[in-house]
């Protein structure tokens, strides 16, 4: 169970990096369904776009989970 919680940040990081390259290239990734969302902090004047894919997150978290399990 601890290995799963350790794998979640790696899944998030992998998803953000891969979805960034796919989304900024203009593709939705087919089954991965990469979609953009805007993050706005009006107090600080920040406005930027991130890309996300739930299928990619699940795959990345699963991959990280099994790698962490094999390392133990």
C-alpha atoms as a PDB file:
ATOM      1  CA  UNK A   1       0.000   0.000   0.000  1.00  0.00           C
ATOM      2  CA  UNK A   2       2.868   2.378   0.756  1.00  0.00           C
ATOM      3  CA  UNK A   3       4.337   1.653  -2.683  1.00  0.00           C
ATOM      4  CA  UNK A   4       1.127   2.895  -4.284  1.00  0.00           C
ATOM      5  CA  UNK A   5       1.279   6.206  -2.408  1.00  0.00           C
ATOM      6  CA  UNK A   6       4.926   6.572  -3.399  1.00  0.00           C
ATOM      7  CA  UNK A   7       3.986   5.963  -7.059  1.00  0.00           C
ATOM      8  CA  UNK A   8       1.336   8.708  -7.282  1.00  0.00           C
ATOM      9  CA  UNK A   9       3.771  11.694  -7.518  1.00  0.00           C
ATOM     10  CA  UNK A  10       5.762   9.866 -10.203  1.00  0.00           C
ATOM     11  CA  UNK A  11       2.541   9.244 -12.143  1.00  0.00           C
ATOM     12  CA  UNK A  12       1.632  12.923 -11.899  1.00  0.00           C
ATOM     13  CA  UNK A  13       5.087  14.021 -13.061  1.00  0.00           C
ATOM     14  CA  UNK A  14       5.119  11.563 -15.973  1.00  0.00           C
ATOM     15  CA  UNK A  15       1.634  12.646 -17.041  1.00  0.00           C
ATOM     16  CA  UNK A  16       2.479  16.341 -16.977  1.00  0.00           C
ATOM     17  CA  UNK A  17       5.664  15.881 -19.009  1.00  0.00           C
ATOM     18  CA  UNK A  18       4.248  13.533 -21.672  1.00  0.00           C
ATOM     19  CA  UNK A  19       0.938  15.415 -21.959  1.00  0.00           C
ATOM     20  CA  UNK A  20       2.842  18.703 -22.305  1.00  0.00           C
ATOM     21  CA  UNK A  21       4.675  17.473 -25.391  1.00  0.00           C
ATOM     22  CA  UNK A  22       1.592  15.842 -26.894  1.00  0.00           C
ATOM     23  CA  UNK A  23      -0.772  18.728 -26.142  1.00  0.00           C
ATOM     24  CA  UNK A  24       1.545  21.486 -27.288  1.00  0.00           C
ATOM     25  CA  UNK A  25       2.022  19.548 -30.516  1.00  0.00           C
ATOM     26  CA  UNK A  26      -1.699  19.833 -31.165  1.00  0.00           C
ATOM     27  CA  UNK A  27      -2.722  16.186 -30.759  1.00  0.00           C
ATOM     28  CA  UNK A  28      -5.230  14.714 -28.332  1.00  0.00           C
ATOM     29  CA  UNK A  29      -3.408  11.384 -28.292  1.00  0.00           C
ATOM     30  CA  UNK A  30      -6.407   9.349 -29.436  1.00  0.00           C
ATOM     31  CA  UNK A  31      -7.328   7.003 -26.588  1.00  0.00           C
ATOM     32  CA  UNK A  32      -5.203   9.013 -24.137  1.00  0.00           C
ATOM     33  CA  UNK A  33      -7.478  12.062 -24.615  1.00  0.00           C
ATOM     34  CA  UNK A  34      -4.979  14.774 -23.654  1.00  0.00           C
ATOM     35  CA  UNK A  35      -6.910  17.939 -22.842  1.00  0.00           C
ATOM     36  CA  UNK A  36      -5.787  21.457 -21.885  1.00  0.00           C
ATOM     37  CA  UNK A  37      -6.879  23.432 -18.859  1.00  0.00           C
ATOM     38  CA  UNK A  38      -6.007  26.944 -17.804  1.00  0.00           C
ATOM     39  CA  UNK A  39      -4.565  27.857 -14.420  1.00  0.00           C
ATOM     40  CA  UNK A  40      -5.151  31.457 -13.362  1.00  0.00           C
ATOM     41  CA  UNK A  41      -3.888  33.281 -10.295  1.00  0.00           C
ATOM     42  CA  UNK A  42      -5.410  36.714 -10.637  1.00  0.00           C
ATOM     43  CA  UNK A  43      -3.773  38.035  -7.463  1.00  0.00           C
ATOM     44  CA  UNK A  44      -0.299  37.364  -8.857  1.00  0.00           C
ATOM     45  CA  UNK A  45      -1.154  37.968 -12.507  1.00  0.00           C
ATOM     46  CA  UNK A  46      -0.236  34.422 -13.557  1.00  0.00           C
ATOM     47  CA  UNK A  47      -2.027  32.709 -16.409  1.00  0.00           C
ATOM     48  CA  UNK A  48      -0.781  29.493 -18.009  1.00  0.00           C
ATOM     49  CA  UNK A  49      -2.042  26.316 -19.656  1.00  0.00           C
ATOM     50  CA  UNK A  50      -1.422  22.733 -18.529  1.00  0.00           C
ATOM     51  CA  UNK A  51      -2.308  19.463 -20.262  1.00  0.00           C
ATOM     52  CA  UNK A  52      -3.695  16.355 -18.573  1.00  0.00           C
ATOM     53  CA  UNK A  53      -4.778  12.821 -19.419  1.00  0.00           C
ATOM     54  CA  UNK A  54      -6.446  10.481 -16.931  1.00  0.00           C
ATOM     55  CA  UNK A  55      -5.547   7.402 -18.973  1.00  0.00           C
ATOM     56  CA  UNK A  56      -1.913   8.475 -19.064  1.00  0.00           C
ATOM     57  CA  UNK A  57      -1.990   9.165 -15.318  1.00  0.00           C
ATOM     58  CA  UNK A  58      -3.301   5.672 -14.560  1.00  0.00           C
ATOM     59  CA  UNK A  59      -0.723   4.066 -16.853  1.00  0.00           C
ATOM     60  CA  UNK A  60       2.135   6.135 -15.392  1.00  0.00           C
ATOM     61  CA  UNK A  61       1.073   5.442 -11.819  1.00  0.00           C
ATOM     62  CA  UNK A  62       0.758   1.720 -12.555  1.00  0.00           C
ATOM     63  CA  UNK A  63       4.194   1.638 -14.160  1.00  0.00           C
ATOM     64  CA  UNK A  64       5.733   3.505 -11.228  1.00  0.00           C
ATOM     65  CA  UNK A  65       3.946   1.239  -8.754  1.00  0.00           C
ATOM     66  CA  UNK A  66       5.361  -1.938 -10.287  1.00  0.00           C
ATOM     67  CA  UNK A  67       8.868  -0.471 -10.544  1.00  0.00           C
ATOM     68  CA  UNK A  68       8.764   0.538  -6.870  1.00  0.00           C
ATOM     69  CA  UNK A  69       7.479  -2.939  -5.943  1.00  0.00           C
ATOM     70  CA  UNK A  70      10.341  -4.593  -7.843  1.00  0.00           C
ATOM     71  CA  UNK A  71      12.907  -2.380  -6.099  1.00  0.00           C
ATOM     72  CA  UNK A  72      11.816  -3.518  -2.622  1.00  0.00           C
END
